[in-house]
Amino acid sequence: MSNEINLFSYNITDKDNKYTLDDNPFISRRISSSLQEKLDEQSAVLQKNFKKHLSGTMLLGTLIIVGILTSIFSLILLAGSSLRLPMFVVGVVLVLVSFVLIKYKKPSYGSKNSESEDCTKEEDLYERVKWELGFPETPVIIDVLTYEYKMKNGEQCDDRKPGEAYFAYIGYLWIEEENLCISDENCVMSIPTASLLGYRKVDEKYAVSLWLKDEDPDSPEYAEYNIKEIDGDFHLKTYYDIMITHKYASYVLRVPCYDFPKICSLVDLKPISEE
């Protein structure tokens, strides 16, 4: 099992590097460099605007706390002092002003129109991504369990410590000629269906750090999987490894139990017994 290569492997040794999928022999096409630059620019703008919004929110929160503490201080510690009433009034005013700003102040990252424009630009870019990569109109969308590693002394070291949650990523699947195509919105991997050896069911407790579905994990659609949310992670008991071969190398597509049926709707997979 240790020699198998996760199709969704990411080298995160250098935190400044973009989150880019490792090369593998199945990658058949990538988005253009010009589109990648536009996506990077859009991502930088969104991050900058979010940080501005977050800073403003933290400032208002601080004012509320200071106002409350000032009021309490004036009531408890300044009893009989001439400063008691002015200090109490200052505290109340700070709290009221903060709540008024929260209710009526426009977001620091711009107006609703500019926010809508940002969303429209992002949607347009991802429509271009899907066009360049040749997405079908309705691809099958699944979650995949990634492998993140750091290089130490020339060797790959799993960044996920025992018991830590997997980082889930969205994969888009479809059949193209005799290939199972998988995309992460940066490239397309075209896997010949003849290279799909089958699947291995792994009964093992694990968790995913993100819930990427529109439906809640406790919705009827996912009820049979008994997904438990604990401290923001989503805990499960089974995942599936789709086993893939290429010349002398072995690859694996690792998916949570709740999305395995979607893959089976595209390709016929047989179970592989452990030797």
Protein backbone atom coordinates (compact mmCIF):
# COMPACT_ATOMS: atom_id res chain seq x y z
CA MET A 1 0.00 0.00 0.00
CA SER A 2 2.85 2.36 0.80
CA ASN A 3 4.15 2.27 -2.82
CA GLU A 4 0.87 3.46 -4.27
CA ILE A 5 0.76 7.07 -5.44
CA ASN A 6 -2.27 9.17 -4.64
CA LEU A 7 -3.51 10.84 -7.84
CA PHE A 8 -4.26 13.95 -5.78
CA SER A 9 -0.78 14.50 -4.30
CA TYR A 10 0.45 17.96 -3.35
CA ASN A 11 3.92 19.07 -2.32
CA ILE A 12 3.43 21.68 0.42
CA THR A 13 7.08 21.96 1.49
CA ASP A 14 7.20 25.57 0.33
CA LYS A 15 4.17 27.42 1.70
CA ASP A 16 4.61 30.11 -0.99
CA ASN A 17 4.03 27.60 -3.77
CA LYS A 18 0.62 27.47 -5.39
CA TYR A 19 -1.56 24.49 -4.47
CA THR A 20 -0.70 22.57 -7.63
CA LEU A 21 -1.26 18.91 -8.35
CA ASP A 22 1.89 16.81 -8.74
CA ASP A 23 2.72 15.65 -12.25
CA ASN A 24 1.53 12.17 -13.17
CA PRO A 25 1.39 10.27 -16.48
CA PHE A 26 -2.39 10.62 -16.77
CA ILE A 27 -2.46 14.43 -17.07
CA SER A 28 -3.63 15.13 -20.60
CA ARG A 29 -4.31 18.86 -20.51
CA ARG A 30 -3.96 21.91 -18.28
CA ILE A 31 -5.45 25.38 -18.23
CA SER A 32 -3.46 28.02 -20.12
CA SER A 33 -0.85 30.10 -18.32
CA SER A 34 -2.78 33.29 -19.09
CA LEU A 35 -5.93 31.90 -17.44
CA GLN A 36 -3.88 30.70 -14.46
CA GLU A 37 -2.53 34.24 -14.02
CA LYS A 38 -6.06 35.66 -14.05
CA LEU A 39 -7.19 33.09 -11.46
CA ASP A 40 -4.22 33.96 -9.25
CA GLU A 41 -5.03 37.67 -9.53
CA GLN A 42 -8.69 37.05 -8.68
CA SER A 43 -7.71 34.91 -5.71
CA ALA A 44 -5.36 37.63 -4.43
CA VAL A 45 -8.12 40.26 -4.71
CA LEU A 46 -10.62 38.10 -2.85
CA GLN A 47 -8.12 37.36 -0.09
CA LYS A 48 -7.25 41.05 0.25
CA ASN A 49 -10.90 42.05 0.46
CA PHE A 50 -11.62 39.33 3.00
CA LYS A 51 -8.73 40.50 5.20
CA LYS A 52 -10.06 44.07 5.09
CA HIS A 53 -13.52 42.90 6.07
CA LEU A 54 -12.08 40.73 8.84
CA SER A 55 -10.00 43.62 10.22
CA GLY A 56 -13.05 45.89 10.35
CA THR A 57 -15.09 43.21 12.10
CA MET A 58 -12.35 42.63 14.68
CA LEU A 59 -12.12 46.38 15.34
CA LEU A 60 -15.85 46.66 15.98
CA GLY A 61 -15.72 43.60 18.22
CA THR A 62 -12.90 45.17 20.22
CA LEU A 63 -14.89 48.39 20.66
CA ILE A 64 -17.86 46.42 21.99
CA ILE A 65 -15.68 44.59 24.52
CA VAL A 66 -13.98 47.81 25.63
CA GLY A 67 -17.35 49.51 26.00
CA ILE A 68 -18.79 46.68 28.11
CA LEU A 69 -15.70 46.48 30.33
CA THR A 70 -15.70 50.26 30.79
CA SER A 71 -19.33 50.22 31.91
CA ILE A 72 -18.72 47.35 34.34
CA PHE A 73 -15.59 49.04 35.70
CA SER A 74 -17.46 52.29 36.31
CA LEU A 75 -20.30 50.54 38.17
CA ILE A 76 -18.16 48.30 40.37
CA LEU A 77 -14.89 50.12 41.01
CA LEU A 78 -15.90 53.76 40.78
CA ALA A 79 -18.80 53.72 43.25
CA GLY A 80 -19.07 57.17 44.84
CA SER A 81 -16.60 58.68 42.35
CA SER A 82 -17.48 61.67 40.21
CA LEU A 83 -16.09 59.70 37.25
CA ARG A 84 -18.62 56.89 37.64
CA LEU A 85 -21.40 58.36 35.48
CA PRO A 86 -19.14 59.75 32.69
CA MET A 87 -17.27 56.44 32.43
CA PHE A 88 -20.52 54.48 32.33
CA VAL A 89 -21.87 56.76 29.60
CA VAL A 90 -18.64 56.37 27.57
CA GLY A 91 -18.93 52.59 27.77
CA VAL A 92 -22.58 52.58 26.71
CA VAL A 93 -21.85 54.95 23.82
CA LEU A 94 -19.01 52.74 22.56
CA VAL A 95 -21.28 49.71 22.55
CA LEU A 96 -24.16 51.55 20.85
CA VAL A 97 -21.92 53.13 18.21
CA SER A 98 -20.37 49.74 17.45
CA PHE A 99 -23.77 48.11 16.96
CA VAL A 100 -24.91 50.99 14.75
CA LEU A 101 -21.78 50.61 12.58
CA ILE A 102 -22.33 46.87 12.29
CA LYS A 103 -25.95 47.40 11.22
CA TYR A 104 -25.55 50.29 8.80
CA LYS A 105 -21.92 50.55 7.75
CA LYS A 106 -21.17 49.25 4.26
CA PRO A 107 -18.59 46.46 4.19
CA SER A 108 -15.04 47.77 4.03
CA TYR A 109 -14.35 45.64 0.96
CA GLY A 110 -16.80 47.54 -1.19
CA SER A 111 -20.44 47.95 -2.10
CA LYS A 112 -22.89 45.23 -2.98
CA ASN A 113 -22.37 46.12 -6.62
CA SER A 114 -18.59 45.64 -6.44
CA GLU A 115 -19.04 42.41 -4.51
CA SER A 116 -21.46 41.20 -7.16
CA GLU A 117 -18.98 42.19 -9.87
CA ASP A 118 -16.25 40.18 -8.12
CA CYS A 119 -18.53 37.14 -8.00
CA THR A 120 -19.44 37.57 -11.66
CA LYS A 121 -15.77 37.80 -12.66
CA GLU A 122 -15.00 34.65 -10.66
CA GLU A 123 -17.89 32.78 -12.27
CA ASP A 124 -16.76 33.92 -15.73
CA LEU A 125 -13.22 32.70 -15.03
CA TYR A 126 -14.40 29.28 -13.93
CA GLU A 127 -16.63 29.02 -16.98
CA ARG A 128 -13.47 29.65 -19.00
CA VAL A 129 -11.67 26.95 -16.97
CA LYS A 130 -14.37 24.41 -17.79
CA TRP A 131 -14.29 25.41 -21.45
CA GLU A 132 -10.50 25.09 -21.73
CA LEU A 133 -10.46 21.73 -19.98
CA GLY A 134 -13.34 20.36 -22.02
CA PHE A 135 -15.83 19.76 -19.21
CA PRO A 136 -19.09 18.13 -20.22
CA GLU A 137 -22.30 19.94 -19.35
CA THR A 138 -22.96 17.82 -16.25
CA PRO A 139 -19.84 16.13 -14.86
CA VAL A 140 -20.11 13.85 -11.84
CA ILE A 141 -18.83 15.74 -8.80
CA ILE A 142 -17.13 13.88 -5.96
CA ASP A 143 -14.92 14.56 -2.96
CA VAL A 144 -11.41 13.11 -3.06
CA LEU A 145 -9.02 12.51 -0.17
CA THR A 146 -5.70 14.17 -0.91
CA TYR A 147 -2.12 13.37 0.05
CA GLU A 148 -0.15 16.39 1.24
CA TYR A 149 3.53 15.94 1.90
CA LYS A 150 6.74 17.78 2.72
CA MET A 151 10.21 16.90 1.50
CA LYS A 152 12.69 16.06 4.28
CA ASN A 153 16.17 14.72 3.52
CA GLY A 154 15.06 13.91 0.00
CA GLU A 155 12.05 11.86 1.10
CA GLN A 156 8.30 12.52 1.13
CA CYS A 157 6.85 12.88 4.61
CA ASP A 158 3.08 12.75 5.05
CA ASP A 159 1.97 16.09 6.50
CA ARG A 160 -1.14 14.48 7.95
CA LYS A 161 -0.32 13.21 11.42
CA PRO A 162 -2.07 10.05 12.72
CA GLY A 163 -5.62 10.92 13.68
CA GLU A 164 -5.67 14.21 11.75
CA ALA A 165 -8.38 14.86 9.19
CA TYR A 166 -7.88 14.47 5.47
CA PHE A 167 -8.07 17.59 3.34
CA ALA A 168 -10.97 16.99 0.95
CA TYR A 169 -10.90 18.36 -2.58
CA ILE A 170 -13.50 18.47 -5.34
CA GLY A 171 -13.03 16.22 -8.34
CA TYR A 172 -15.03 16.38 -11.59
CA LEU A 173 -15.51 13.06 -13.41
CA TRP A 174 -16.77 12.03 -16.82
CA ILE A 175 -16.19 9.44 -19.50
CA GLU A 176 -14.40 10.56 -22.65
CA GLU A 177 -13.95 7.88 -25.29
CA GLU A 178 -12.26 4.99 -23.40
CA ASN A 179 -11.01 7.16 -20.54
CA LEU A 180 -12.23 8.08 -17.09
CA CYS A 181 -11.47 11.80 -16.89
CA ILE A 182 -10.86 13.51 -13.55
CA SER A 183 -10.27 17.23 -13.08
CA ASP A 184 -9.35 19.48 -10.18
CA GLU A 185 -10.15 22.60 -12.28
CA ASN A 186 -6.45 23.05 -13.08
CA CYS A 187 -5.85 20.01 -15.24
CA VAL A 188 -7.52 16.88 -16.59
CA MET A 189 -6.30 13.36 -15.88
CA SER A 190 -7.39 10.88 -18.57
CA ILE A 191 -7.22 7.35 -17.17
CA PRO A 192 -7.80 4.49 -19.63
CA THR A 193 -10.62 2.36 -18.28
CA ALA A 194 -8.39 -0.66 -18.95
CA SER A 195 -5.99 0.71 -16.31
CA LEU A 196 -8.65 0.58 -13.59
CA LEU A 197 -7.88 -2.60 -11.65
CA GLY A 198 -10.84 -2.35 -9.28
CA TYR A 199 -11.46 -1.04 -5.80
CA ARG A 200 -10.37 -1.76 -2.26
CA LYS A 201 -12.75 -1.07 0.62
CA VAL A 202 -10.93 0.21 3.71
CA ASP A 203 -12.76 0.02 7.02
CA GLU A 204 -10.86 2.56 9.05
CA LYS A 205 -11.90 5.51 11.17
CA TYR A 206 -10.93 8.84 9.61
CA ALA A 207 -12.19 12.40 9.19
CA VAL A 208 -12.40 15.08 6.51
CA SER A 209 -11.67 18.68 7.40
CA LEU A 210 -14.19 20.24 5.03
CA TRP A 211 -17.78 19.46 4.14
CA LEU A 212 -18.11 20.40 0.47
CA LYS A 213 -21.65 19.24 -0.27
CA ASP A 214 -24.71 21.45 -0.55
CA GLU A 215 -26.70 19.05 1.63
CA ASP A 216 -25.90 18.69 5.33
CA PRO A 217 -24.07 15.52 6.44
CA ASP A 218 -27.12 14.51 8.51
CA SER A 219 -29.50 14.92 5.55
CA PRO A 220 -31.40 11.84 4.30
CA GLU A 221 -29.00 11.52 1.36
CA TYR A 222 -26.07 10.81 3.70
CA ALA A 223 -27.90 9.31 6.70
CA GLU A 224 -26.72 5.74 5.98
CA TYR A 225 -23.07 6.77 6.43
CA ASN A 226 -23.56 7.93 10.03
CA ILE A 227 -21.31 10.99 9.61
CA LYS A 228 -20.40 12.64 12.91
CA GLU A 229 -19.23 16.24 13.20
CA ILE A 230 -16.68 16.65 16.00
CA ASP A 231 -14.77 19.91 16.53
CA GLY A 232 -15.39 20.98 12.93
CA ASP A 233 -14.19 17.71 11.35
CA PHE A 234 -16.50 15.13 9.80
CA HIS A 235 -15.85 11.59 10.98
CA LEU A 236 -16.49 8.43 8.96
CA LYS A 237 -15.58 4.76 9.11
CA THR A 238 -15.00 3.68 5.50
CA TYR A 239 -13.26 4.94 2.37
CA TYR A 240 -12.52 3.37 -0.99
CA ASP A 241 -9.29 3.18 -2.96
CA ILE A 242 -9.72 2.97 -6.72
CA MET A 243 -6.66 1.04 -7.86
CA ILE A 244 -4.98 2.18 -11.08
CA THR A 245 -1.97 0.81 -12.92
CA HIS A 246 0.42 2.50 -15.35
CA LYS A 247 3.41 0.53 -16.65
CA TYR A 248 5.37 -0.33 -13.49
CA ALA A 249 3.68 2.17 -11.14
CA SER A 250 0.53 1.87 -9.02
CA TYR A 251 -1.81 4.77 -8.38
CA VAL A 252 -4.84 5.24 -6.18
CA LEU A 253 -7.87 7.52 -6.25
CA ARG A 254 -9.08 7.71 -2.63
CA VAL A 255 -12.71 8.68 -2.10
CA PRO A 256 -15.02 8.87 0.94
CA CYS A 257 -17.68 6.17 1.22
CA TYR A 258 -20.52 8.57 0.42
CA ASP A 259 -19.18 9.32 -3.08
CA PHE A 260 -18.07 5.82 -4.10
CA PRO A 261 -21.47 5.03 -5.71
CA LYS A 262 -21.02 8.00 -8.05
CA ILE A 263 -17.85 6.50 -9.48
CA CYS A 264 -19.58 3.16 -9.93
CA SER A 265 -22.24 4.96 -12.00
CA LEU A 266 -19.53 5.73 -14.57
CA VAL A 267 -17.32 2.64 -14.59
CA ASP A 268 -17.70 -1.01 -13.68
CA LEU A 269 -15.36 -1.73 -10.75
CA LYS A 270 -14.68 -5.07 -9.11
CA PRO A 271 -13.45 -5.55 -5.54
CA ILE A 272 -9.79 -6.40 -5.05
CA SER A 273 -9.01 -8.81 -2.25
CA GLU A 274 -6.06 -8.20 0.03
CA GLU A 275 -3.21 -10.65 -0.44
